[in-house]
Amino acid sequence: MKLSRIKEIGEFVSMIAIVATLLFLIVEVRENTAAIRPASYSDSITMLNDWRMQQALSPELSLLYAN
């Protein structure tokens, strides 16, 4: 085998490995996003409820809710 032929085979194998890696990363990022989204939503709701509770317990701000 000529050295140039070995080089071409190596480049082809490298190209296939890069494409496979990119496909793997796409799948992993999508799965990670799907797993994190509900937790992020839940955290946002919890923070909003805590903020509203602090407002309701504040004597000055509770008047806003009374009206």
PDB file of N, CA and C in Angstrom:
ATOM      1  N   MET A   1       0.842  -1.184   0.000  1.00  0.00           N
ATOM      2  CA  MET A   1       0.000   0.000   0.000  1.00  0.00           C
ATOM      3  C   MET A   1       0.881   1.238   0.000  1.00  0.00           C
ATOM      4  N   LYS A   2       0.455   2.181  -0.776  1.00  0.00           N
ATOM      5  CA  LYS A   2       1.189   3.432  -0.803  1.00  0.00           C
ATOM      6  C   LYS A   2       0.818   4.277   0.412  1.00  0.00           C
ATOM      7  N   LEU A   3       1.731   5.132   0.773  1.00  0.00           N
ATOM      8  CA  LEU A   3       1.526   6.001   1.926  1.00  0.00           C
ATOM      9  C   LEU A   3       0.345   6.945   1.701  1.00  0.00           C
ATOM     10  N   SER A   4       0.165   7.412   0.469  1.00  0.00           N
ATOM     11  CA  SER A   4      -0.950   8.320   0.183  1.00  0.00           C
ATOM     12  C   SER A   4      -2.298   7.612   0.356  1.00  0.00           C
ATOM     13  N   ARG A   5      -2.355   6.320   0.015  1.00  0.00           N
ATOM     14  CA  ARG A   5      -3.597   5.558   0.173  1.00  0.00           C
ATOM     15  C   ARG A   5      -3.933   5.389   1.660  1.00  0.00           C
ATOM     16  N   ILE A   6      -2.939   5.135   2.489  1.00  0.00           N
ATOM     17  CA  ILE A   6      -3.137   5.021   3.940  1.00  0.00           C
ATOM     18  C   ILE A   6      -3.622   6.354   4.504  1.00  0.00           C
ATOM     19  N   LYS A   7      -3.055   7.435   3.987  1.00  0.00           N
ATOM     20  CA  LYS A   7      -3.461   8.765   4.431  1.00  0.00           C
ATOM     21  C   LYS A   7      -4.933   9.006   4.087  1.00  0.00           C
ATOM     22  N   GLU A   8      -5.367   8.639   2.892  1.00  0.00           N
ATOM     23  CA  GLU A   8      -6.757   8.818   2.473  1.00  0.00           C
ATOM     24  C   GLU A   8      -7.710   8.001   3.339  1.00  0.00           C
ATOM     25  N   ILE A   9      -7.318   6.775   3.647  1.00  0.00           N
ATOM     26  CA  ILE A   9      -8.149   5.920   4.505  1.00  0.00           C
ATOM     27  C   ILE A   9      -8.256   6.531   5.902  1.00  0.00           C
ATOM     28  N   GLY A  10      -7.151   7.034   6.415  1.00  0.00           N
ATOM     29  CA  GLY A  10      -7.153   7.673   7.738  1.00  0.00           C
ATOM     30  C   GLY A  10      -8.035   8.900   7.776  1.00  0.00           C
ATOM     31  N   GLU A  11      -7.990   9.708   6.721  1.00  0.00           N
ATOM     32  CA  GLU A  11      -8.847  10.890   6.661  1.00  0.00           C
ATOM     33  C   GLU A  11     -10.321  10.502   6.603  1.00  0.00           C
ATOM     34  N   PHE A  12     -10.638   9.450   5.858  1.00  0.00           N
ATOM     35  CA  PHE A  12     -12.022   8.992   5.764  1.00  0.00           C
ATOM     36  C   PHE A  12     -12.526   8.494   7.116  1.00  0.00           C
ATOM     37  N   VAL A  13     -11.705   7.712   7.784  1.00  0.00           N
ATOM     38  CA  VAL A  13     -12.082   7.202   9.112  1.00  0.00           C
ATOM     39  C   VAL A  13     -12.259   8.361  10.083  1.00  0.00           C
ATOM     40  N   SER A  14     -11.398   9.344  10.009  1.00  0.00           N
ATOM     41  CA  SER A  14     -11.512  10.522  10.884  1.00  0.00           C
ATOM     42  C   SER A  14     -12.801  11.277  10.608  1.00  0.00           C
ATOM     43  N   MET A  15     -13.160  11.422   9.338  1.00  0.00           N
ATOM     44  CA  MET A  15     -14.385  12.117   8.964  1.00  0.00           C
ATOM     45  C   MET A  15     -15.606  11.381   9.518  1.00  0.00           C
ATOM     46  N   ILE A  16     -15.609  10.078   9.398  1.00  0.00           N
ATOM     47  CA  ILE A  16     -16.719   9.279   9.920  1.00  0.00           C
ATOM     48  C   ILE A  16     -16.806   9.431  11.440  1.00  0.00           C
ATOM     49  N   ALA A  17     -15.668   9.437  12.111  1.00  0.00           N
ATOM     50  CA  ALA A  17     -15.649   9.588  13.570  1.00  0.00           C
ATOM     51  C   ALA A  17     -16.184  10.952  13.990  1.00  0.00           C
ATOM     52  N   ILE A  18     -15.849  11.984  13.247  1.00  0.00           N
ATOM     53  CA  ILE A  18     -16.329  13.338  13.575  1.00  0.00           C
ATOM     54  C   ILE A  18     -17.839  13.414  13.393  1.00  0.00           C
ATOM     55  N   VAL A  19     -18.353  12.878  12.302  1.00  0.00           N
ATOM     56  CA  VAL A  19     -19.799  12.893  12.060  1.00  0.00           C
ATOM     57  C   VAL A  19     -20.525  12.095  13.152  1.00  0.00           C
ATOM     58  N   ALA A  20     -19.998  10.947  13.518  1.00  0.00           N
ATOM     59  CA  ALA A  20     -20.616  10.129  14.561  1.00  0.00           C
ATOM     60  C   ALA A  20     -20.618  10.871  15.896  1.00  0.00           C
ATOM     61  N   THR A  21     -19.525  11.558  16.204  1.00  0.00           N
ATOM     62  CA  THR A  21     -19.437  12.325  17.448  1.00  0.00           C
ATOM     63  C   THR A  21     -20.461  13.453  17.463  1.00  0.00           C
ATOM     64  N   LEU A  22     -20.594  14.162  16.341  1.00  0.00           N
ATOM     65  CA  LEU A  22     -21.575  15.250  16.277  1.00  0.00           C
ATOM     66  C   LEU A  22     -22.996  14.735  16.438  1.00  0.00           C
ATOM     67  N   LEU A  23     -23.320  13.622  15.818  1.00  0.00           N
ATOM     68  CA  LEU A  23     -24.652  13.038  15.975  1.00  0.00           C
ATOM     69  C   LEU A  23     -24.907  12.627  17.424  1.00  0.00           C
ATOM     70  N   PHE A  24     -23.911  12.031  18.051  1.00  0.00           N
ATOM     71  CA  PHE A  24     -24.026  11.645  19.459  1.00  0.00           C
ATOM     72  C   PHE A  24     -24.275  12.873  20.337  1.00  0.00           C
ATOM     73  N   LEU A  25     -23.533  13.945  20.087  1.00  0.00           N
ATOM     74  CA  LEU A  25     -23.696  15.160  20.893  1.00  0.00           C
ATOM     75  C   LEU A  25     -25.068  15.789  20.688  1.00  0.00           C
ATOM     76  N   ILE A  26     -25.577  15.752  19.472  1.00  0.00           N
ATOM     77  CA  ILE A  26     -26.918  16.288  19.211  1.00  0.00           C
ATOM     78  C   ILE A  26     -27.953  15.534  20.029  1.00  0.00           C
ATOM     79  N   VAL A  27     -27.864  14.223  20.028  1.00  0.00           N
ATOM     80  CA  VAL A  27     -28.811  13.404  20.792  1.00  0.00           C
ATOM     81  C   VAL A  27     -28.683  13.689  22.283  1.00  0.00           C
ATOM     82  N   GLU A  28     -27.472  13.774  22.782  1.00  0.00           N
ATOM     83  CA  GLU A  28     -27.264  14.008  24.218  1.00  0.00           C
ATOM     84  C   GLU A  28     -27.767  15.379  24.646  1.00  0.00           C
ATOM     85  N   VAL A  29     -27.547  16.405  23.838  1.00  0.00           N
ATOM     86  CA  VAL A  29     -28.011  17.749  24.194  1.00  0.00           C
ATOM     87  C   VAL A  29     -29.534  17.794  24.212  1.00  0.00           C
ATOM     88  N   ARG A  30     -30.170  17.137  23.249  1.00  0.00           N
ATOM     89  CA  ARG A  30     -31.637  17.108  23.238  1.00  0.00           C
ATOM     90  C   ARG A  30     -32.184  16.391  24.464  1.00  0.00           C
ATOM     91  N   GLU A  31     -31.585  15.267  24.825  1.00  0.00           N
ATOM     92  CA  GLU A  31     -32.045  14.539  26.012  1.00  0.00           C
ATOM     93  C   GLU A  31     -31.824  15.352  27.284  1.00  0.00           C
ATOM     94  N   ASN A  32     -30.686  16.017  27.366  1.00  0.00           N
ATOM     95  CA  ASN A  32     -30.381  16.838  28.535  1.00  0.00           C
ATOM     96  C   ASN A  32     -31.359  18.001  28.647  1.00  0.00           C
ATOM     97  N   THR A  33     -31.655  18.637  27.531  1.00  0.00           N
ATOM     98  CA  THR A  33     -32.602  19.746  27.533  1.00  0.00           C
ATOM     99  C   THR A  33     -33.984  19.273  27.974  1.00  0.00           C
ATOM    100  N   ALA A  34     -34.389  18.121  27.473  1.00  0.00           N
ATOM    101  CA  ALA A  34     -35.697  17.580  27.856  1.00  0.00           C
ATOM    102  C   ALA A  34     -35.747  17.239  29.339  1.00  0.00           C
ATOM    103  N   ALA A  35     -34.629  16.831  29.914  1.00  0.00           N
ATOM    104  CA  ALA A  35     -34.592  16.485  31.334  1.00  0.00           C
ATOM    105  C   ALA A  35     -34.546  17.725  32.220  1.00  0.00           C
ATOM    106  N   ILE A  36     -33.907  18.771  31.764  1.00  0.00           N
ATOM    107  CA  ILE A  36     -33.725  19.975  32.584  1.00  0.00           C
ATOM    108  C   ILE A  36     -34.935  20.894  32.532  1.00  0.00           C
ATOM    109  N   ARG A  37     -35.648  20.917  31.429  1.00  0.00           N
ATOM    110  CA  ARG A  37     -36.755  21.853  31.254  1.00  0.00           C
ATOM    111  C   ARG A  37     -37.805  21.764  32.372  1.00  0.00           C
ATOM    112  N   PRO A  38     -38.303  20.585  32.752  1.00  0.00           N
ATOM    113  CA  PRO A  38     -39.300  20.545  33.841  1.00  0.00           C
ATOM    114  C   PRO A  38     -38.740  21.044  35.174  1.00  0.00           C
ATOM    115  N   ALA A  39     -37.502  20.721  35.464  1.00  0.00           N
ATOM    116  CA  ALA A  39     -36.902  21.181  36.718  1.00  0.00           C
ATOM    117  C   ALA A  39     -36.756  22.695  36.720  1.00  0.00           C
ATOM    118  N   SER A  40     -36.380  23.252  35.597  1.00  0.00           N
ATOM    119  CA  SER A  40     -36.231  24.704  35.489  1.00  0.00           C
ATOM    120  C   SER A  40     -37.582  25.387  35.653  1.00  0.00           C
ATOM    121  N   TYR A  41     -38.601  24.834  35.046  1.00  0.00           N
ATOM    122  CA  TYR A  41     -39.948  25.386  35.181  1.00  0.00           C
ATOM    123  C   TYR A  41     -40.404  25.334  36.635  1.00  0.00           C
ATOM    124  N   SER A  42     -40.170  24.216  37.285  1.00  0.00           N
ATOM    125  CA  SER A  42     -40.561  24.062  38.683  1.00  0.00           C
ATOM    126  C   SER A  42     -39.822  25.061  39.573  1.00  0.00           C
ATOM    127  N   ASP A  43     -38.533  25.241  39.325  1.00  0.00           N
ATOM    128  CA  ASP A  43     -37.749  26.206  40.106  1.00  0.00           C
ATOM    129  C   ASP A  43     -38.277  27.624  39.907  1.00  0.00           C
ATOM    130  N   SER A  44     -38.663  27.955  38.687  1.00  0.00           N
ATOM    131  CA  SER A  44     -39.190  29.294  38.410  1.00  0.00           C
ATOM    132  C   SER A  44     -40.496  29.531  39.157  1.00  0.00           C
ATOM    133  N   ILE A  45     -41.363  28.541  39.159  1.00  0.00           N
ATOM    134  CA  ILE A  45     -42.641  28.661  39.866  1.00  0.00           C
ATOM    135  C   ILE A  45     -42.403  28.799  41.370  1.00  0.00           C
ATOM    136  N   THR A  46     -41.464  28.035  41.902  1.00  0.00           N
ATOM    137  CA  THR A  46     -41.150  28.110  43.331  1.00  0.00           C
ATOM    138  C   THR A  46     -40.626  29.496  43.693  1.00  0.00           C
ATOM    139  N   MET A  47     -39.733  30.031  42.860  1.00  0.00           N
ATOM    140  CA  MET A  47     -39.189  31.363  43.130  1.00  0.00           C
ATOM    141  C   MET A  47     -40.289  32.420  43.066  1.00  0.00           C
ATOM    142  N   LEU A  48     -41.183  32.304  42.110  1.00  0.00           N
ATOM    143  CA  LEU A  48     -42.279  33.265  41.990  1.00  0.00           C
ATOM    144  C   LEU A  48     -43.206  33.185  43.201  1.00  0.00           C
ATOM    145  N   ASN A  49     -43.526  31.985  43.636  1.00  0.00           N
ATOM    146  CA  ASN A  49     -44.378  31.824  44.821  1.00  0.00           C
ATOM    147  C   ASN A  49     -43.707  32.371  46.075  1.00  0.00           C
ATOM    148  N   ASP A  50     -42.404  32.146  46.226  1.00  0.00           N
ATOM    149  CA  ASP A  50     -41.675  32.693  47.376  1.00  0.00           C
ATOM    150  C   ASP A  50     -41.696  34.217  47.354  1.00  0.00           C
ATOM    151  N   TRP A  51     -41.525  34.800  46.181  1.00  0.00           N
ATOM    152  CA  TRP A  51     -41.519  36.250  46.041  1.00  0.00           C
ATOM    153  C   TRP A  51     -42.896  36.827  46.398  1.00  0.00           C
ATOM    154  N   ARG A  52     -43.939  36.165  45.920  1.00  0.00           N
ATOM    155  CA  ARG A  52     -45.295  36.627  46.224  1.00  0.00           C
ATOM    156  C   ARG A  52     -45.607  36.478  47.711  1.00  0.00           C
ATOM    157  N   MET A  53     -45.100  35.413  48.332  1.00  0.00           N
ATOM    158  CA  MET A  53     -45.322  35.218  49.768  1.00  0.00           C
ATOM    159  C   MET A  53     -44.613  36.317  50.567  1.00  0.00           C
ATOM    160  N   GLN A  54     -43.412  36.683  50.163  1.00  0.00           N
ATOM    161  CA  GLN A  54     -42.696  37.763  50.846  1.00  0.00           C
ATOM    162  C   GLN A  54     -43.454  39.074  50.717  1.00  0.00           C
ATOM    163  N   GLN A  55     -44.035  39.304  49.554  1.00  0.00           N
ATOM    164  CA  GLN A  55     -44.820  40.526  49.376  1.00  0.00           C
ATOM    165  C   GLN A  55     -46.065  40.509  50.259  1.00  0.00           C
ATOM    166  N   ALA A  56     -46.706  39.371  50.313  1.00  0.00           N
ATOM    167  CA  ALA A  56     -47.942  39.281  51.109  1.00  0.00           C
ATOM    168  C   ALA A  56     -47.659  39.437  52.598  1.00  0.00           C
ATOM    169  N   LEU A  57     -46.495  38.990  53.053  1.00  0.00           N
ATOM    170  CA  LEU A  57     -46.160  39.084  54.471  1.00  0.00           C
ATOM    171  C   LEU A  57     -45.613  40.457  54.856  1.00  0.00           C
ATOM    172  N   SER A  58     -45.224  41.241  53.888  1.00  0.00           N
ATOM    173  CA  SER A  58     -44.717  42.582  54.161  1.00  0.00           C
ATOM    174  C   SER A  58     -45.901  43.506  54.472  1.00  0.00           C
ATOM    175  N   PRO A  59     -45.855  44.212  55.610  1.00  0.00           N
ATOM    176  CA  PRO A  59     -46.992  45.076  55.974  1.00  0.00           C
ATOM    177  C   PRO A  59     -47.279  46.147  54.914  1.00  0.00           C
ATOM    178  N   GLU A  60     -46.235  46.728  54.350  1.00  0.00           N
ATOM    179  CA  GLU A  60     -46.435  47.786  53.370  1.00  0.00           C
ATOM    180  C   GLU A  60     -46.990  47.239  52.052  1.00  0.00           C
ATOM    181  N   LEU A  61     -46.440  46.128  51.609  1.00  0.00           N
ATOM    182  CA  LEU A  61     -46.850  45.579  50.318  1.00  0.00           C
ATOM    183  C   LEU A  61     -48.136  44.778  50.391  1.00  0.00           C
ATOM    184  N   SER A  62     -48.515  44.305  51.570  1.00  0.00           N
ATOM    185  CA  SER A  62     -49.743  43.526  51.685  1.00  0.00           C
ATOM    186  C   SER A  62     -50.970  44.398  51.390  1.00  0.00           C
ATOM    187  N   LEU A  63     -50.837  45.720  51.557  1.00  0.00           N
ATOM    188  CA  LEU A  63     -51.933  46.619  51.240  1.00  0.00           C
ATOM    189  C   LEU A  63     -52.270  46.582  49.757  1.00  0.00           C
ATOM    190  N   LEU A  64     -51.284  46.289  48.917  1.00  0.00           N
ATOM    191  CA  LEU A  64     -51.541  46.182  47.480  1.00  0.00           C
ATOM    192  C   LEU A  64     -52.468  45.014  47.179  1.00  0.00           C
ATOM    193  N   TYR A  65     -52.327  43.936  47.918  1.00  0.00           N
ATOM    194  CA  TYR A  65     -53.165  42.769  47.704  1.00  0.00           C
ATOM    195  C   TYR A  65     -54.545  42.938  48.331  1.00  0.00           C
ATOM    196  N   ALA A  66     -54.654  43.791  49.319  1.00  0.00           N
ATOM    197  CA  ALA A  66     -55.924  43.995  50.010  1.00  0.00           C
ATOM    198  C   ALA A  66     -56.892  44.799  49.158  1.00  0.00           C
ATOM    199  N   ASN A  67     -56.364  45.631  48.292  1.00  0.00           N
ATOM    200  CA  ASN A  67     -57.240  46.498  47.476  1.00  0.00           C
ATOM    201  C   ASN A  67     -57.676  45.836  46.241  1.00  0.00           C
TER     202      ASN A  67
END
